[in-house]
């Protein structure tokens, strides 16, 4: 028994001596591996209970070369989307004995590289990245990784991806607005360097409008960032610069949509009688704004579970190949349209 500043720590050798078994037998019980007779197992477990022995995770990591830690890199930790993703991941990872180490890039793409380097130094067993965008520097860094890796939300060549069906979801939402009788539809997007949210959702909107043979005025297409204030400002610009006001606005996130609703309420537009509003994300607030916001639910918990399970498969079964999972979505039609 080793004394560390007054704290008595039982070693695995002492457990073996107390139970009158070999060190290997104790190790098999602790790791639940190999054959151990019921009599020996009972003795060992009794000694463990009496001594309060807890295996050293650091020693175990050195022995197994596994830390049981997964690094998760997120573009922000402030949104419900991130929280739901992590909740789904944790549901799967915790069952397998893994802990999550979170890294928040705050939508700064250089931090993605920094955190990948940091997590590699920390010797995590795997990395899940919800990237802000796809760029050459990040692609090169990922290609050099020798750590199990899964990307979520953005598609990267040569790795396992868990993706949302951004294009079809945005087309469906645009089609819903057209089917409601709208031909003047405004659009609030984000920078197209974000391929999923910025590029694909905008392309889907424009493609659906083109298929319906509906002209889109330049001023009806505005760009914001990922917050409510930006949605407010985007609609303000849209209304200031438009030759004719739109009768509907499709925003690529719920936060942008709620910002647009705030502007419309401030200037006494009725929703949806004067202008319909739609978003993406199925955030909790989307249910409680007035009127409740029409939105798209990407089932983020399921995405987190899927990414975590794919990563565990890579770690435990040494899966090397690239896999691509595209998740389903639900269009939630509410009173805002």
C-alpha atoms as a PDB file:
ATOM      1  CA  UNK A   1       0.000   0.000   0.000  1.00  0.00           C
ATOM      2  CA  UNK A   2       1.512   3.321  -1.101  1.00  0.00           C
ATOM      3  CA  UNK A   3       1.071   6.452   1.025  1.00  0.00           C
ATOM      4  CA  UNK A   4       0.477   9.665  -0.972  1.00  0.00           C
ATOM      5  CA  UNK A   5       0.306  12.547   1.457  1.00  0.00           C
ATOM      6  CA  UNK A   6      -1.715  10.563   3.960  1.00  0.00           C
ATOM      7  CA  UNK A   7      -3.878   8.829   1.331  1.00  0.00           C
ATOM      8  CA  UNK A   8      -3.450   5.068   1.190  1.00  0.00           C
ATOM      9  CA  UNK A   9      -3.505   3.686  -2.346  1.00  0.00           C
ATOM     10  CA  UNK A  10      -3.797  -0.038  -2.879  1.00  0.00           C
ATOM     11  CA  UNK A  11      -1.834  -1.455  -5.791  1.00  0.00           C
ATOM     12  CA  UNK A  12      -2.859  -4.305  -8.078  1.00  0.00           C
ATOM     13  CA  UNK A  13      -0.058  -6.452  -6.619  1.00  0.00           C
ATOM     14  CA  UNK A  14      -1.486  -6.006  -3.121  1.00  0.00           C
ATOM     15  CA  UNK A  15      -4.970  -6.935  -4.359  1.00  0.00           C
ATOM     16  CA  UNK A  16      -3.473 -10.132  -5.767  1.00  0.00           C
ATOM     17  CA  UNK A  17      -1.693 -10.938  -2.492  1.00  0.00           C
ATOM     18  CA  UNK A  18      -4.801 -10.290  -0.378  1.00  0.00           C
ATOM     19  CA  UNK A  19      -6.947 -12.516  -2.622  1.00  0.00           C
ATOM     20  CA  UNK A  20      -4.181 -15.133  -2.891  1.00  0.00           C
ATOM     21  CA  UNK A  21      -4.272 -15.060  -6.703  1.00  0.00           C
ATOM     22  CA  UNK A  22      -1.881 -13.957  -9.430  1.00  0.00           C
ATOM     23  CA  UNK A  23      -1.561 -10.392 -10.678  1.00  0.00           C
ATOM     24  CA  UNK A  24      -2.756 -11.603 -14.092  1.00  0.00           C
ATOM     25  CA  UNK A  25      -5.971 -12.944 -12.578  1.00  0.00           C
ATOM     26  CA  UNK A  26      -6.678  -9.601 -10.921  1.00  0.00           C
ATOM     27  CA  UNK A  27      -6.015  -7.845 -14.237  1.00  0.00           C
ATOM     28  CA  UNK A  28      -8.477 -10.141 -16.013  1.00  0.00           C
ATOM     29  CA  UNK A  29     -11.193  -9.302 -13.494  1.00  0.00           C
ATOM     30  CA  UNK A  30     -10.515  -5.550 -13.720  1.00  0.00           C
ATOM     31  CA  UNK A  31     -10.544  -5.597 -17.528  1.00  0.00           C
ATOM     32  CA  UNK A  32     -13.276  -8.250 -17.824  1.00  0.00           C
ATOM     33  CA  UNK A  33     -11.064 -10.298 -20.131  1.00  0.00           C
ATOM     34  CA  UNK A  34      -9.903 -13.926 -20.100  1.00  0.00           C
ATOM     35  CA  UNK A  35     -11.064 -16.819 -17.975  1.00  0.00           C
ATOM     36  CA  UNK A  36     -11.271 -16.460 -14.186  1.00  0.00           C
ATOM     37  CA  UNK A  37     -12.918 -19.031 -11.898  1.00  0.00           C
ATOM     38  CA  UNK A  38     -15.949 -17.872  -9.966  1.00  0.00           C
ATOM     39  CA  UNK A  39     -14.168 -18.542  -6.661  1.00  0.00           C
ATOM     40  CA  UNK A  40     -11.195 -16.350  -7.627  1.00  0.00           C
ATOM     41  CA  UNK A  41     -13.454 -13.640  -9.042  1.00  0.00           C
ATOM     42  CA  UNK A  42     -15.467 -13.552  -5.803  1.00  0.00           C
ATOM     43  CA  UNK A  43     -12.308 -13.227  -3.684  1.00  0.00           C
ATOM     44  CA  UNK A  44     -10.918 -10.441  -5.846  1.00  0.00           C
ATOM     45  CA  UNK A  45     -14.155  -8.454  -5.888  1.00  0.00           C
ATOM     46  CA  UNK A  46     -14.442  -8.785  -2.114  1.00  0.00           C
ATOM     47  CA  UNK A  47     -10.916  -7.408  -1.604  1.00  0.00           C
ATOM     48  CA  UNK A  48     -11.616  -4.570  -4.057  1.00  0.00           C
ATOM     49  CA  UNK A  49     -14.780  -3.667  -2.164  1.00  0.00           C
ATOM     50  CA  UNK A  50     -13.035  -3.794   1.226  1.00  0.00           C
ATOM     51  CA  UNK A  51     -10.062  -1.686   0.122  1.00  0.00           C
ATOM     52  CA  UNK A  52     -11.969   0.725  -2.088  1.00  0.00           C
ATOM     53  CA  UNK A  53      -9.455   0.079  -4.856  1.00  0.00           C
ATOM     54  CA  UNK A  54      -9.874   2.188  -8.009  1.00  0.00           C
ATOM     55  CA  UNK A  55      -7.702   1.381 -11.046  1.00  0.00           C
ATOM     56  CA  UNK A  56      -5.453   4.226 -12.144  1.00  0.00           C
ATOM     57  CA  UNK A  57      -6.792   5.520 -15.458  1.00  0.00           C
ATOM     58  CA  UNK A  58      -3.371   6.932 -16.277  1.00  0.00           C
ATOM     59  CA  UNK A  59      -1.718   3.535 -15.720  1.00  0.00           C
ATOM     60  CA  UNK A  60      -4.469   1.832 -17.679  1.00  0.00           C
ATOM     61  CA  UNK A  61      -3.988   4.304 -20.531  1.00  0.00           C
ATOM     62  CA  UNK A  62      -0.275   3.557 -20.656  1.00  0.00           C
ATOM     63  CA  UNK A  63      -1.025  -0.165 -20.712  1.00  0.00           C
ATOM     64  CA  UNK A  64      -3.812  -0.138 -23.281  1.00  0.00           C
ATOM     65  CA  UNK A  65      -2.678   2.976 -25.187  1.00  0.00           C
ATOM     66  CA  UNK A  66      -6.265   4.232 -24.845  1.00  0.00           C
ATOM     67  CA  UNK A  67      -7.318   7.350 -22.922  1.00  0.00           C
ATOM     68  CA  UNK A  68     -11.097   6.748 -23.195  1.00  0.00           C
ATOM     69  CA  UNK A  69     -11.435  10.423 -24.168  1.00  0.00           C
ATOM     70  CA  UNK A  70     -13.044  11.690 -27.373  1.00  0.00           C
ATOM     71  CA  UNK A  71     -12.361  15.204 -28.645  1.00  0.00           C
ATOM     72  CA  UNK A  72     -15.384  17.055 -30.024  1.00  0.00           C
ATOM     73  CA  UNK A  73     -14.771  20.302 -31.925  1.00  0.00           C
ATOM     74  CA  UNK A  74     -17.824  22.572 -32.301  1.00  0.00           C
ATOM     75  CA  UNK A  75     -18.321  25.892 -34.139  1.00  0.00           C
ATOM     76  CA  UNK A  76     -20.119  27.241 -31.057  1.00  0.00           C
ATOM     77  CA  UNK A  77     -21.296  25.965 -27.701  1.00  0.00           C
ATOM     78  CA  UNK A  78     -24.038  28.595 -27.397  1.00  0.00           C
ATOM     79  CA  UNK A  79     -26.700  27.072 -29.642  1.00  0.00           C
ATOM     80  CA  UNK A  80     -29.267  24.357 -29.048  1.00  0.00           C
ATOM     81  CA  UNK A  81     -27.976  22.564 -32.131  1.00  0.00           C
ATOM     82  CA  UNK A  82     -24.588  22.039 -30.496  1.00  0.00           C
ATOM     83  CA  UNK A  83     -26.178  20.978 -27.238  1.00  0.00           C
ATOM     84  CA  UNK A  84     -28.380  18.422 -28.970  1.00  0.00           C
ATOM     85  CA  UNK A  85     -25.463  17.073 -31.000  1.00  0.00           C
ATOM     86  CA  UNK A  86     -23.347  16.591 -27.886  1.00  0.00           C
ATOM     87  CA  UNK A  87     -26.248  15.038 -25.976  1.00  0.00           C
ATOM     88  CA  UNK A  88     -26.603  12.443 -28.729  1.00  0.00           C
ATOM     89  CA  UNK A  89     -22.865  11.754 -28.767  1.00  0.00           C
ATOM     90  CA  UNK A  90     -22.692  11.422 -24.992  1.00  0.00           C
ATOM     91  CA  UNK A  91     -25.587   8.979 -24.946  1.00  0.00           C
ATOM     92  CA  UNK A  92     -23.518   6.560 -27.038  1.00  0.00           C
ATOM     93  CA  UNK A  93     -20.008   7.356 -25.788  1.00  0.00           C
ATOM     94  CA  UNK A  94     -20.864   7.171 -22.086  1.00  0.00           C
ATOM     95  CA  UNK A  95     -22.227   3.655 -22.533  1.00  0.00           C
ATOM     96  CA  UNK A  96     -18.815   2.639 -23.883  1.00  0.00           C
ATOM     97  CA  UNK A  97     -16.931   4.338 -21.044  1.00  0.00           C
ATOM     98  CA  UNK A  98     -15.746   7.374 -23.002  1.00  0.00           C
ATOM     99  CA  UNK A  99     -15.578  10.971 -21.802  1.00  0.00           C
ATOM    100  CA  UNK A 100     -15.959  14.003 -24.068  1.00  0.00           C
ATOM    101  CA  UNK A 101     -13.456  16.843 -24.272  1.00  0.00           C
ATOM    102  CA  UNK A 102     -15.193  19.836 -25.881  1.00  0.00           C
ATOM    103  CA  UNK A 103     -13.466  22.489 -27.976  1.00  0.00           C
ATOM    104  CA  UNK A 104     -15.283  25.652 -29.119  1.00  0.00           C
ATOM    105  CA  UNK A 105     -13.972  27.419 -32.254  1.00  0.00           C
ATOM    106  CA  UNK A 106     -16.508  30.262 -32.118  1.00  0.00           C
ATOM    107  CA  UNK A 107     -16.773  29.993 -35.927  1.00  0.00           C
ATOM    108  CA  UNK A 108     -13.050  30.840 -36.320  1.00  0.00           C
ATOM    109  CA  UNK A 109     -11.682  28.383 -38.861  1.00  0.00           C
ATOM    110  CA  UNK A 110      -8.024  28.699 -37.750  1.00  0.00           C
ATOM    111  CA  UNK A 111      -9.040  27.368 -34.343  1.00  0.00           C
ATOM    112  CA  UNK A 112     -10.143  24.092 -35.934  1.00  0.00           C
ATOM    113  CA  UNK A 113      -6.512  23.413 -36.877  1.00  0.00           C
ATOM    114  CA  UNK A 114      -5.304  24.500 -33.426  1.00  0.00           C
ATOM    115  CA  UNK A 115      -7.750  22.218 -31.633  1.00  0.00           C
ATOM    116  CA  UNK A 116      -6.966  19.223 -33.837  1.00  0.00           C
ATOM    117  CA  UNK A 117      -3.283  19.685 -32.951  1.00  0.00           C
ATOM    118  CA  UNK A 118      -4.110  20.085 -29.260  1.00  0.00           C
ATOM    119  CA  UNK A 119      -6.346  17.006 -29.151  1.00  0.00           C
ATOM    120  CA  UNK A 120      -3.666  14.979 -30.888  1.00  0.00           C
ATOM    121  CA  UNK A 121      -1.166  16.019 -28.205  1.00  0.00           C
ATOM    122  CA  UNK A 122      -3.716  15.094 -25.537  1.00  0.00           C
ATOM    123  CA  UNK A 123      -3.803  11.619 -27.154  1.00  0.00           C
ATOM    124  CA  UNK A 124      -7.568  11.400 -27.454  1.00  0.00           C
ATOM    125  CA  UNK A 125      -8.868   8.120 -28.861  1.00  0.00           C
ATOM    126  CA  UNK A 126     -10.831   9.867 -31.609  1.00  0.00           C
ATOM    127  CA  UNK A 127     -12.104  13.225 -32.891  1.00  0.00           C
ATOM    128  CA  UNK A 128     -15.535  14.398 -34.039  1.00  0.00           C
ATOM    129  CA  UNK A 129     -15.463  17.700 -35.922  1.00  0.00           C
ATOM    130  CA  UNK A 130     -18.462  19.885 -36.659  1.00  0.00           C
ATOM    131  CA  UNK A 131     -16.618  22.226 -38.995  1.00  0.00           C
ATOM    132  CA  UNK A 132     -17.391  25.841 -39.835  1.00  0.00           C
ATOM    133  CA  UNK A 133     -16.376  25.335 -43.457  1.00  0.00           C
ATOM    134  CA  UNK A 134     -14.252  23.215 -45.752  1.00  0.00           C
ATOM    135  CA  UNK A 135     -10.873  24.685 -46.704  1.00  0.00           C
ATOM    136  CA  UNK A 136      -7.588  23.387 -48.121  1.00  0.00           C
ATOM    137  CA  UNK A 137      -5.591  23.818 -44.907  1.00  0.00           C
ATOM    138  CA  UNK A 138      -8.150  21.870 -42.881  1.00  0.00           C
ATOM    139  CA  UNK A 139      -8.394  19.159 -45.543  1.00  0.00           C
ATOM    140  CA  UNK A 140      -4.616  18.716 -45.470  1.00  0.00           C
ATOM    141  CA  UNK A 141      -4.553  18.521 -41.669  1.00  0.00           C
ATOM    142  CA  UNK A 142      -7.307  15.894 -41.613  1.00  0.00           C
ATOM    143  CA  UNK A 143      -5.579  13.825 -44.308  1.00  0.00           C
ATOM    144  CA  UNK A 144      -2.458  13.653 -42.109  1.00  0.00           C
ATOM    145  CA  UNK A 145      -4.308  12.471 -39.003  1.00  0.00           C
ATOM    146  CA  UNK A 146      -3.676   8.967 -37.746  1.00  0.00           C
ATOM    147  CA  UNK A 147      -6.488   9.240 -35.194  1.00  0.00           C
ATOM    148  CA  UNK A 148     -10.019   7.868 -35.806  1.00  0.00           C
ATOM    149  CA  UNK A 149     -11.995  10.816 -37.162  1.00  0.00           C
ATOM    150  CA  UNK A 150     -15.594  11.642 -38.084  1.00  0.00           C
ATOM    151  CA  UNK A 151     -16.841  14.896 -39.627  1.00  0.00           C
ATOM    152  CA  UNK A 152     -20.390  16.067 -39.007  1.00  0.00           C
ATOM    153  CA  UNK A 153     -22.391  18.654 -40.949  1.00  0.00           C
ATOM    154  CA  UNK A 154     -19.773  19.385 -43.634  1.00  0.00           C
ATOM    155  CA  UNK A 155     -18.510  16.866 -46.221  1.00  0.00           C
ATOM    156  CA  UNK A 156     -14.779  16.123 -46.332  1.00  0.00           C
ATOM    157  CA  UNK A 157     -13.136  13.851 -48.893  1.00  0.00           C
ATOM    158  CA  UNK A 158     -11.529  10.668 -47.651  1.00  0.00           C
ATOM    159  CA  UNK A 159     -13.127  10.525 -44.190  1.00  0.00           C
ATOM    160  CA  UNK A 160     -16.356   9.356 -42.601  1.00  0.00           C
ATOM    161  CA  UNK A 161     -19.078  12.009 -42.816  1.00  0.00           C
ATOM    162  CA  UNK A 162     -22.431  12.419 -41.053  1.00  0.00           C
ATOM    163  CA  UNK A 163     -24.398  14.920 -43.120  1.00  0.00           C
ATOM    164  CA  UNK A 164     -27.710  16.741 -43.044  1.00  0.00           C
ATOM    165  CA  UNK A 165     -29.731  16.866 -46.253  1.00  0.00           C
ATOM    166  CA  UNK A 166     -29.384  20.630 -46.546  1.00  0.00           C
ATOM    167  CA  UNK A 167     -30.183  20.860 -50.239  1.00  0.00           C
ATOM    168  CA  UNK A 168     -33.424  18.883 -50.278  1.00  0.00           C
ATOM    169  CA  UNK A 169     -34.615  20.323 -46.984  1.00  0.00           C
ATOM    170  CA  UNK A 170     -34.195  23.892 -48.261  1.00  0.00           C
ATOM    171  CA  UNK A 171     -35.923  23.017 -51.537  1.00  0.00           C
ATOM    172  CA  UNK A 172     -38.847  21.553 -49.623  1.00  0.00           C
ATOM    173  CA  UNK A 173     -39.185  24.703 -47.536  1.00  0.00           C
ATOM    174  CA  UNK A 174     -39.042  26.916 -50.615  1.00  0.00           C
ATOM    175  CA  UNK A 175     -41.643  24.728 -52.311  1.00  0.00           C
ATOM    176  CA  UNK A 176     -43.918  25.043 -49.264  1.00  0.00           C
ATOM    177  CA  UNK A 177     -43.809  28.838 -49.530  1.00  0.00           C
ATOM    178  CA  UNK A 178     -44.515  28.696 -53.264  1.00  0.00           C
ATOM    179  CA  UNK A 179     -47.409  26.313 -52.673  1.00  0.00           C
ATOM    180  CA  UNK A 180     -48.814  28.814 -50.175  1.00  0.00           C
ATOM    181  CA  UNK A 181     -49.138  31.245 -53.077  1.00  0.00           C
ATOM    182  CA  UNK A 182     -45.946  33.277 -52.629  1.00  0.00           C
ATOM    183  CA  UNK A 183     -43.995  34.440 -55.670  1.00  0.00           C
ATOM    184  CA  UNK A 184     -42.007  37.227 -53.984  1.00  0.00           C
ATOM    185  CA  UNK A 185     -39.809  35.321 -51.541  1.00  0.00           C
ATOM    186  CA  UNK A 186     -36.867  36.824 -49.691  1.00  0.00           C
ATOM    187  CA  UNK A 187     -33.875  34.769 -48.554  1.00  0.00           C
ATOM    188  CA  UNK A 188     -31.459  35.306 -45.654  1.00  0.00           C
ATOM    189  CA  UNK A 189     -28.321  33.172 -45.910  1.00  0.00           C
ATOM    190  CA  UNK A 190     -24.795  33.110 -44.495  1.00  0.00           C
ATOM    191  CA  UNK A 191     -21.359  33.179 -46.101  1.00  0.00           C
ATOM    192  CA  UNK A 192     -21.037  30.519 -48.799  1.00  0.00           C
ATOM    193  CA  UNK A 193     -17.677  29.367 -47.437  1.00  0.00           C
ATOM    194  CA  UNK A 194     -19.957  27.398 -45.120  1.00  0.00           C
ATOM    195  CA  UNK A 195     -20.881  24.862 -47.786  1.00  0.00           C
ATOM    196  CA  UNK A 196     -23.748  23.229 -45.918  1.00  0.00           C
ATOM    197  CA  UNK A 197     -25.595  26.235 -44.533  1.00  0.00           C
ATOM    198  CA  UNK A 198     -24.296  29.003 -46.791  1.00  0.00           C
ATOM    199  CA  UNK A 199     -23.928  27.394 -50.202  1.00  0.00           C
ATOM    200  CA  UNK A 200     -26.270  24.386 -50.388  1.00  0.00           C
ATOM    201  CA  UNK A 201     -29.301  26.024 -48.785  1.00  0.00           C
ATOM    202  CA  UNK A 202     -28.974  29.090 -51.023  1.00  0.00           C
ATOM    203  CA  UNK A 203     -28.531  26.939 -54.139  1.00  0.00           C
ATOM    204  CA  UNK A 204     -31.603  24.919 -53.202  1.00  0.00           C
ATOM    205  CA  UNK A 205     -33.672  28.097 -52.804  1.00  0.00           C
ATOM    206  CA  UNK A 206     -32.561  29.532 -56.143  1.00  0.00           C
ATOM    207  CA  UNK A 207     -32.999  26.190 -57.953  1.00  0.00           C
ATOM    208  CA  UNK A 208     -36.553  25.771 -56.656  1.00  0.00           C
ATOM    209  CA  UNK A 209     -37.456  29.334 -57.584  1.00  0.00           C
ATOM    210  CA  UNK A 210     -35.991  28.808 -61.054  1.00  0.00           C
ATOM    211  CA  UNK A 211     -37.921  25.576 -61.527  1.00  0.00           C
ATOM    212  CA  UNK A 212     -41.098  27.430 -60.587  1.00  0.00           C
ATOM    213  CA  UNK A 213     -40.136  30.133 -63.126  1.00  0.00           C
ATOM    214  CA  UNK A 214     -40.145  32.811 -60.419  1.00  0.00           C
ATOM    215  CA  UNK A 215     -37.753  35.752 -60.672  1.00  0.00           C
ATOM    216  CA  UNK A 216     -35.766  36.628 -57.580  1.00  0.00           C
ATOM    217  CA  UNK A 217     -34.963  40.313 -57.114  1.00  0.00           C
ATOM    218  CA  UNK A 218     -31.343  40.890 -56.028  1.00  0.00           C
ATOM    219  CA  UNK A 219     -32.384  42.836 -52.926  1.00  0.00           C
ATOM    220  CA  UNK A 220     -34.470  39.881 -51.741  1.00  0.00           C
ATOM    221  CA  UNK A 221     -31.301  37.815 -51.202  1.00  0.00           C
ATOM    222  CA  UNK A 222     -29.393  38.964 -48.116  1.00  0.00           C
ATOM    223  CA  UNK A 223     -26.497  37.582 -46.091  1.00  0.00           C
ATOM    224  CA  UNK A 224     -26.140  37.484 -42.326  1.00  0.00           C
ATOM    225  CA  UNK A 225     -24.239  35.650 -39.609  1.00  0.00           C
ATOM    226  CA  UNK A 226     -25.396  33.179 -36.988  1.00  0.00           C
ATOM    227  CA  UNK A 227     -27.334  35.436 -34.628  1.00  0.00           C
ATOM    228  CA  UNK A 228     -30.730  37.074 -34.152  1.00  0.00           C
ATOM    229  CA  UNK A 229     -29.537  40.655 -34.647  1.00  0.00           C
ATOM    230  CA  UNK A 230     -28.173  39.717 -38.073  1.00  0.00           C
ATOM    231  CA  UNK A 231     -31.616  38.504 -39.165  1.00  0.00           C
ATOM    232  CA  UNK A 232     -33.121  41.802 -38.085  1.00  0.00           C
ATOM    233  CA  UNK A 233     -30.502  43.753 -40.042  1.00  0.00           C
ATOM    234  CA  UNK A 234     -30.858  41.553 -43.141  1.00  0.00           C
ATOM    235  CA  UNK A 235     -34.602  42.164 -43.392  1.00  0.00           C
ATOM    236  CA  UNK A 236     -34.047  45.880 -42.800  1.00  0.00           C
ATOM    237  CA  UNK A 237     -31.692  45.958 -45.806  1.00  0.00           C
ATOM    238  CA  UNK A 238     -34.066  43.808 -47.847  1.00  0.00           C
ATOM    239  CA  UNK A 239     -36.998  46.155 -47.282  1.00  0.00           C
ATOM    240  CA  UNK A 240     -34.930  49.282 -47.793  1.00  0.00           C
ATOM    241  CA  UNK A 241     -33.497  48.180 -51.147  1.00  0.00           C
ATOM    242  CA  UNK A 242     -36.413  46.248 -52.679  1.00  0.00           C
ATOM    243  CA  UNK A 243     -38.427  47.687 -55.546  1.00  0.00           C
ATOM    244  CA  UNK A 244     -41.312  45.552 -54.329  1.00  0.00           C
ATOM    245  CA  UNK A 245     -41.538  43.992 -50.871  1.00  0.00           C
ATOM    246  CA  UNK A 246     -41.458  40.191 -50.572  1.00  0.00           C
ATOM    247  CA  UNK A 247     -44.495  38.400 -49.168  1.00  0.00           C
ATOM    248  CA  UNK A 248     -42.398  35.635 -47.571  1.00  0.00           C
ATOM    249  CA  UNK A 249     -38.880  35.289 -46.123  1.00  0.00           C
ATOM    250  CA  UNK A 250     -36.901  32.063 -45.798  1.00  0.00           C
ATOM    251  CA  UNK A 251     -33.958  32.246 -43.372  1.00  0.00           C
ATOM    252  CA  UNK A 252     -31.332  29.484 -43.221  1.00  0.00           C
ATOM    253  CA  UNK A 253     -31.381  29.357 -39.398  1.00  0.00           C
ATOM    254  CA  UNK A 254     -34.077  29.881 -36.779  1.00  0.00           C
ATOM    255  CA  UNK A 255     -32.044  32.662 -35.176  1.00  0.00           C
ATOM    256  CA  UNK A 256     -32.001  34.627 -38.423  1.00  0.00           C
ATOM    257  CA  UNK A 257     -35.730  33.984 -38.834  1.00  0.00           C
ATOM    258  CA  UNK A 258     -36.498  35.208 -35.309  1.00  0.00           C
ATOM    259  CA  UNK A 259     -34.481  38.355 -35.990  1.00  0.00           C
ATOM    260  CA  UNK A 260     -36.568  38.926 -39.113  1.00  0.00           C
ATOM    261  CA  UNK A 261     -39.758  38.429 -37.087  1.00  0.00           C
ATOM    262  CA  UNK A 262     -38.607  41.034 -34.587  1.00  0.00           C
ATOM    263  CA  UNK A 263     -38.174  43.586 -37.366  1.00  0.00           C
ATOM    264  CA  UNK A 264     -41.594  42.782 -38.843  1.00  0.00           C
ATOM    265  CA  UNK A 265     -43.312  43.050 -35.463  1.00  0.00           C
ATOM    266  CA  UNK A 266     -41.566  46.340 -34.724  1.00  0.00           C
ATOM    267  CA  UNK A 267     -42.854  47.828 -37.966  1.00  0.00           C
ATOM    268  CA  UNK A 268     -46.333  46.373 -37.556  1.00  0.00           C
ATOM    269  CA  UNK A 269     -46.301  43.768 -40.308  1.00  0.00           C
ATOM    270  CA  UNK A 270     -48.647  40.870 -39.558  1.00  0.00           C
ATOM    271  CA  UNK A 271     -47.185  37.362 -39.723  1.00  0.00           C
ATOM    272  CA  UNK A 272     -48.199  35.487 -41.859  1.00  0.00           C
ATOM    273  CA  UNK A 273     -50.964  37.729 -43.265  1.00  0.00           C
ATOM    274  CA  UNK A 274     -48.548  40.355 -44.607  1.00  0.00           C
ATOM    275  CA  UNK A 275     -45.333  38.318 -44.694  1.00  0.00           C
ATOM    276  CA  UNK A 276     -44.696  34.628 -44.037  1.00  0.00           C
ATOM    277  CA  UNK A 277     -41.504  33.533 -42.243  1.00  0.00           C
ATOM    278  CA  UNK A 278     -39.644  30.203 -42.217  1.00  0.00           C
ATOM    279  CA  UNK A 279     -36.365  29.028 -40.677  1.00  0.00           C
ATOM    280  CA  UNK A 280     -34.196  25.953 -40.158  1.00  0.00           C
ATOM    281  CA  UNK A 281     -33.202  24.208 -36.949  1.00  0.00           C
ATOM    282  CA  UNK A 282     -36.331  23.436 -34.905  1.00  0.00           C
ATOM    283  CA  UNK A 283     -34.883  25.346 -31.946  1.00  0.00           C
ATOM    284  CA  UNK A 284     -36.824  25.452 -28.695  1.00  0.00           C
ATOM    285  CA  UNK A 285     -37.595  29.146 -29.197  1.00  0.00           C
ATOM    286  CA  UNK A 286     -39.172  28.384 -32.586  1.00  0.00           C
ATOM    287  CA  UNK A 287     -42.136  26.858 -30.742  1.00  0.00           C
ATOM    288  CA  UNK A 288     -42.683  29.847 -28.458  1.00  0.00           C
ATOM    289  CA  UNK A 289     -42.289  32.907 -30.676  1.00  0.00           C
ATOM    290  CA  UNK A 290     -45.522  34.485 -31.900  1.00  0.00           C
ATOM    291  CA  UNK A 291     -46.644  33.019 -34.194  1.00  0.00           C
ATOM    292  CA  UNK A 292     -44.778  29.676 -33.835  1.00  0.00           C
ATOM    293  CA  UNK A 293     -42.089  29.436 -36.506  1.00  0.00           C
ATOM    294  CA  UNK A 294     -42.252  27.046 -39.452  1.00  0.00           C
ATOM    295  CA  UNK A 295     -38.889  25.284 -39.509  1.00  0.00           C
ATOM    296  CA  UNK A 296     -36.913  22.161 -40.374  1.00  0.00           C
ATOM    297  CA  UNK A 297     -35.898  19.647 -37.728  1.00  0.00           C
ATOM    298  CA  UNK A 298     -32.566  17.988 -38.544  1.00  0.00           C
ATOM    299  CA  UNK A 299     -32.839  15.494 -35.629  1.00  0.00           C
ATOM    300  CA  UNK A 300     -29.521  16.582 -34.141  1.00  0.00           C
ATOM    301  CA  UNK A 301     -29.525  14.073 -31.293  1.00  0.00           C
ATOM    302  CA  UNK A 302     -29.713  11.282 -33.861  1.00  0.00           C
ATOM    303  CA  UNK A 303     -26.832  12.879 -35.766  1.00  0.00           C
ATOM    304  CA  UNK A 304     -24.734  12.960 -32.602  1.00  0.00           C
ATOM    305  CA  UNK A 305     -25.504   9.312 -31.861  1.00  0.00           C
ATOM    306  CA  UNK A 306     -24.651   8.299 -35.423  1.00  0.00           C
ATOM    307  CA  UNK A 307     -21.320  10.159 -35.398  1.00  0.00           C
ATOM    308  CA  UNK A 308     -20.368   8.672 -32.031  1.00  0.00           C
ATOM    309  CA  UNK A 309     -21.208   5.121 -33.083  1.00  0.00           C
ATOM    310  CA  UNK A 310     -19.244   5.439 -36.320  1.00  0.00           C
ATOM    311  CA  UNK A 311     -16.257   6.712 -34.349  1.00  0.00           C
ATOM    312  CA  UNK A 312     -16.466   3.866 -31.835  1.00  0.00           C
ATOM    313  CA  UNK A 313     -16.568   1.409 -34.744  1.00  0.00           C
ATOM    314  CA  UNK A 314     -13.366   2.945 -36.060  1.00  0.00           C
ATOM    315  CA  UNK A 315     -11.691   2.731 -32.662  1.00  0.00           C
ATOM    316  CA  UNK A 316     -12.788  -0.748 -31.592  1.00  0.00           C
ATOM    317  CA  UNK A 317     -13.086  -2.527 -34.928  1.00  0.00           C
ATOM    318  CA  UNK A 318     -10.337  -0.642 -36.762  1.00  0.00           C
ATOM    319  CA  UNK A 319     -12.665   0.518 -39.540  1.00  0.00           C
ATOM    320  CA  UNK A 320     -10.505   2.352 -42.076  1.00  0.00           C
ATOM    321  CA  UNK A 321     -12.897   3.104 -44.913  1.00  0.00           C
ATOM    322  CA  UNK A 322     -14.825   6.246 -45.686  1.00  0.00           C
ATOM    323  CA  UNK A 323     -18.501   6.142 -44.815  1.00  0.00           C
ATOM    324  CA  UNK A 324     -21.159   8.697 -45.658  1.00  0.00           C
ATOM    325  CA  UNK A 325     -24.419   8.918 -43.743  1.00  0.00           C
ATOM    326  CA  UNK A 326     -27.071  11.419 -44.846  1.00  0.00           C
ATOM    327  CA  UNK A 327     -29.751  11.886 -42.215  1.00  0.00           C
ATOM    328  CA  UNK A 328     -33.442  12.519 -42.744  1.00  0.00           C
ATOM    329  CA  UNK A 329     -35.295  15.658 -41.621  1.00  0.00           C
ATOM    330  CA  UNK A 330     -38.801  16.835 -40.768  1.00  0.00           C
ATOM    331  CA  UNK A 331     -40.502  19.955 -42.107  1.00  0.00           C
ATOM    332  CA  UNK A 332     -42.554  21.423 -39.241  1.00  0.00           C
ATOM    333  CA  UNK A 333     -45.286  23.620 -40.682  1.00  0.00           C
ATOM    334  CA  UNK A 334     -46.552  26.098 -38.090  1.00  0.00           C
ATOM    335  CA  UNK A 335     -48.508  29.329 -38.001  1.00  0.00           C
ATOM    336  CA  UNK A 336     -45.777  31.622 -39.397  1.00  0.00           C
ATOM    337  CA  UNK A 337     -46.674  30.593 -42.969  1.00  0.00           C
END
